[in-house]
N, C-alpha and C. Protein backbone atom coordinates (compact mmCIF):
# COMPACT_ATOMS: atom_id res chain seq x y z
N MET A 1 -51.23 -16.33 -2.84
CA MET A 1 -49.93 -16.73 -3.27
C MET A 1 -49.70 -18.21 -2.73
N SER A 2 -49.05 -18.97 -3.59
CA SER A 2 -48.73 -20.37 -3.15
C SER A 2 -47.46 -20.38 -2.33
N ALA A 3 -47.27 -21.52 -1.67
CA ALA A 3 -46.07 -21.63 -0.83
C ALA A 3 -44.79 -21.54 -1.62
N SER A 4 -44.74 -22.08 -2.84
CA SER A 4 -43.57 -22.03 -3.67
C SER A 4 -43.16 -20.61 -4.03
N HIS A 5 -44.17 -19.80 -4.35
CA HIS A 5 -43.85 -18.41 -4.67
C HIS A 5 -43.40 -17.59 -3.46
N LEU A 6 -43.91 -17.95 -2.31
CA LEU A 6 -43.47 -17.26 -1.10
C LEU A 6 -41.99 -17.65 -0.78
N LEU A 7 -41.65 -18.92 -0.98
CA LEU A 7 -40.34 -19.44 -0.74
C LEU A 7 -39.30 -18.74 -1.75
N ILE A 8 -39.66 -18.67 -3.01
CA ILE A 8 -38.86 -18.00 -3.98
C ILE A 8 -38.63 -16.54 -3.63
N LEU A 9 -39.71 -15.85 -3.24
CA LEU A 9 -39.66 -14.47 -2.92
C LEU A 9 -38.70 -14.29 -1.70
N TYR A 10 -38.81 -15.14 -0.72
CA TYR A 10 -37.96 -15.06 0.52
C TYR A 10 -36.51 -15.27 0.13
N VAL A 11 -36.21 -16.26 -0.68
CA VAL A 11 -34.87 -16.49 -1.09
C VAL A 11 -34.29 -15.38 -1.89
N ALA A 12 -35.07 -14.82 -2.79
CA ALA A 12 -34.61 -13.71 -3.66
C ALA A 12 -34.36 -12.45 -2.83
N ILE A 13 -35.18 -12.14 -1.91
CA ILE A 13 -34.95 -10.98 -1.06
C ILE A 13 -33.68 -11.18 -0.19
N THR A 14 -33.51 -12.43 0.35
CA THR A 14 -32.35 -12.71 1.15
C THR A 14 -31.03 -12.59 0.38
N LEU A 15 -31.03 -13.12 -0.85
CA LEU A 15 -29.84 -13.02 -1.73
C LEU A 15 -29.60 -11.61 -2.11
N GLY A 16 -30.63 -10.85 -2.45
CA GLY A 16 -30.52 -9.46 -2.78
C GLY A 16 -29.86 -8.61 -1.67
N GLY A 17 -30.34 -8.95 -0.45
CA GLY A 17 -29.74 -8.26 0.72
C GLY A 17 -28.32 -8.58 0.98
N LEU A 18 -27.95 -9.84 0.74
CA LEU A 18 -26.61 -10.28 0.88
C LEU A 18 -25.67 -9.63 -0.16
N CYS A 19 -26.18 -9.53 -1.44
CA CYS A 19 -25.42 -8.89 -2.47
C CYS A 19 -25.19 -7.43 -2.15
N ALA A 20 -26.26 -6.72 -1.72
CA ALA A 20 -26.19 -5.32 -1.38
C ALA A 20 -25.17 -5.08 -0.29
N LEU A 21 -25.20 -5.98 0.74
CA LEU A 21 -24.28 -5.91 1.86
C LEU A 21 -22.81 -6.09 1.39
N GLY A 22 -22.61 -7.05 0.51
CA GLY A 22 -21.27 -7.34 -0.02
C GLY A 22 -20.73 -6.12 -0.82
N ILE A 23 -21.57 -5.54 -1.64
CA ILE A 23 -21.21 -4.37 -2.45
C ILE A 23 -20.85 -3.17 -1.54
N TYR A 24 -21.66 -2.99 -0.52
CA TYR A 24 -21.42 -1.91 0.41
C TYR A 24 -20.07 -2.11 1.17
N SER A 25 -19.85 -3.35 1.63
CA SER A 25 -18.61 -3.50 2.41
C SER A 25 -17.41 -3.42 1.52
N GLU A 26 -17.48 -3.85 0.24
CA GLU A 26 -16.33 -3.63 -0.68
C GLU A 26 -16.04 -2.17 -0.98
N MET A 27 -17.10 -1.42 -1.17
CA MET A 27 -16.95 0.06 -1.39
C MET A 27 -16.32 0.71 -0.19
N ARG A 28 -16.80 0.29 1.01
CA ARG A 28 -16.21 0.86 2.26
C ARG A 28 -14.75 0.47 2.47
N ARG A 29 -14.40 -0.80 2.15
CA ARG A 29 -13.00 -1.24 2.27
C ARG A 29 -12.11 -0.49 1.30
N ARG A 30 -12.58 -0.26 0.12
CA ARG A 30 -11.71 0.53 -0.83
C ARG A 30 -11.54 2.01 -0.44
N ARG A 31 -12.59 2.54 0.15
CA ARG A 31 -12.51 3.97 0.54
C ARG A 31 -11.60 4.18 1.73
N PHE A 32 -11.69 3.27 2.72
CA PHE A 32 -10.94 3.51 3.95
C PHE A 32 -9.70 2.64 4.10
N GLY A 33 -9.46 1.76 3.15
CA GLY A 33 -8.32 0.82 3.20
C GLY A 33 -7.05 1.52 2.85
N PRO A 34 -5.91 0.88 3.12
CA PRO A 34 -4.65 1.47 2.80
C PRO A 34 -4.45 1.56 1.26
N THR A 35 -3.82 2.60 0.85
CA THR A 35 -3.61 2.80 -0.65
C THR A 35 -2.31 2.15 -1.10
N HIS A 36 -2.22 1.86 -2.33
CA HIS A 36 -1.04 1.23 -2.90
C HIS A 36 0.12 2.24 -2.95
N SER A 37 1.25 1.82 -2.54
CA SER A 37 2.48 2.70 -2.53
C SER A 37 2.86 2.90 -3.95
N GLU A 38 3.28 4.12 -4.29
CA GLU A 38 3.77 4.50 -5.60
C GLU A 38 5.28 4.40 -5.70
N ASP A 39 5.95 3.93 -4.67
CA ASP A 39 7.37 3.81 -4.71
C ASP A 39 7.84 2.58 -5.53
N THR A 40 9.07 2.66 -6.05
CA THR A 40 9.66 1.62 -6.82
C THR A 40 10.58 0.79 -5.89
N ILE A 41 10.57 -0.53 -6.09
CA ILE A 41 11.35 -1.43 -5.22
C ILE A 41 12.67 -1.73 -5.92
N PHE A 42 13.79 -1.60 -5.16
CA PHE A 42 15.12 -1.90 -5.68
C PHE A 42 15.74 -3.01 -4.84
N ARG A 43 16.62 -3.79 -5.43
CA ARG A 43 17.44 -4.76 -4.76
C ARG A 43 18.88 -4.55 -5.22
N CYS A 44 19.74 -4.37 -4.25
CA CYS A 44 21.17 -4.08 -4.46
C CYS A 44 21.84 -5.37 -4.98
N LYS A 45 22.57 -5.29 -6.11
CA LYS A 45 23.27 -6.46 -6.64
C LYS A 45 24.56 -6.72 -5.82
N ASN A 46 25.06 -5.72 -5.09
CA ASN A 46 26.30 -5.85 -4.42
C ASN A 46 26.12 -6.48 -3.00
N CYS A 47 25.19 -5.85 -2.19
CA CYS A 47 25.02 -6.27 -0.85
C CYS A 47 23.64 -7.05 -0.62
N GLY A 48 22.77 -7.02 -1.57
CA GLY A 48 21.53 -7.74 -1.42
C GLY A 48 20.41 -7.05 -0.67
N SER A 49 20.63 -5.77 -0.34
CA SER A 49 19.67 -5.02 0.47
C SER A 49 18.46 -4.70 -0.46
N VAL A 50 17.26 -4.71 0.12
CA VAL A 50 16.02 -4.34 -0.57
C VAL A 50 15.56 -2.97 -0.02
N TYR A 51 15.26 -2.08 -0.89
CA TYR A 51 14.84 -0.75 -0.50
C TYR A 51 13.93 -0.11 -1.49
N THR A 52 13.26 0.95 -1.17
CA THR A 52 12.35 1.63 -2.07
C THR A 52 12.90 3.08 -2.36
N ASP A 53 12.40 3.63 -3.43
CA ASP A 53 12.73 4.99 -3.83
C ASP A 53 11.48 5.55 -4.60
N ASP A 54 11.52 6.81 -4.88
CA ASP A 54 10.42 7.46 -5.61
C ASP A 54 10.21 6.79 -6.97
N SER A 55 8.99 6.85 -7.48
CA SER A 55 8.65 6.20 -8.70
C SER A 55 9.18 6.87 -9.95
N ASP A 56 9.64 8.14 -9.81
CA ASP A 56 10.14 8.90 -10.97
C ASP A 56 11.63 8.71 -11.25
N VAL A 57 12.33 7.79 -10.56
CA VAL A 57 13.73 7.54 -10.75
C VAL A 57 13.91 6.22 -11.48
N ASP A 58 14.88 6.14 -12.43
CA ASP A 58 15.18 4.95 -13.16
C ASP A 58 16.19 4.05 -12.43
N ARG A 59 17.15 4.69 -11.78
CA ARG A 59 18.15 4.07 -11.01
C ARG A 59 18.29 4.66 -9.65
N SER A 60 18.67 3.88 -8.64
CA SER A 60 18.72 4.41 -7.28
C SER A 60 19.91 3.92 -6.62
N ARG A 61 20.54 4.76 -5.72
CA ARG A 61 21.75 4.40 -5.03
C ARG A 61 21.34 3.68 -3.70
N CYS A 62 22.02 2.52 -3.51
CA CYS A 62 21.83 1.79 -2.31
C CYS A 62 22.28 2.56 -1.02
N SER A 63 21.49 2.51 -0.06
CA SER A 63 21.81 3.30 1.20
C SER A 63 22.92 2.57 2.02
N HIS A 64 23.10 1.30 1.77
CA HIS A 64 24.15 0.51 2.58
C HIS A 64 25.53 0.61 1.91
N CYS A 65 25.61 0.34 0.64
CA CYS A 65 26.94 0.28 0.01
C CYS A 65 27.17 1.34 -1.05
N GLY A 66 26.16 2.05 -1.50
CA GLY A 66 26.29 3.15 -2.46
C GLY A 66 26.27 2.74 -3.95
N LYS A 67 26.01 1.46 -4.28
CA LYS A 67 25.98 0.98 -5.63
C LYS A 67 24.67 1.44 -6.28
N MET A 68 24.75 1.87 -7.55
CA MET A 68 23.57 2.23 -8.31
C MET A 68 22.85 0.92 -8.82
N ASN A 69 21.52 0.87 -8.65
CA ASN A 69 20.80 -0.36 -9.02
C ASN A 69 19.58 -0.06 -9.91
N GLU A 70 19.17 -1.05 -10.66
CA GLU A 70 17.96 -0.97 -11.51
C GLU A 70 16.76 -1.46 -10.65
N PRO A 71 15.57 -1.08 -10.92
CA PRO A 71 14.38 -1.49 -10.13
C PRO A 71 14.08 -2.96 -10.40
N ILE A 72 13.40 -3.63 -9.47
CA ILE A 72 12.97 -4.94 -9.59
C ILE A 72 11.75 -5.00 -10.46
N VAL A 73 11.73 -5.95 -11.44
CA VAL A 73 10.58 -6.13 -12.34
C VAL A 73 9.88 -7.41 -11.97
N PHE A 74 8.67 -7.34 -11.57
CA PHE A 74 7.93 -8.58 -11.18
C PHE A 74 7.23 -9.19 -12.33
């Protein structure tokens, strides 16, 4: 084998190993990382308080002033 073929083989093996390590670490992060919250975020139009409630409600009552509020749309 020539020197150029050995160099290409070395670089390909190194890049393949780095790709495999990146894929493994991403799979591990997704498996053990925190999950996305299913709660809905609300902001009170009366007092400005920001709070969360279950995802199955369309309107929620503010815990500070009691006003019913619509969820925040991002």
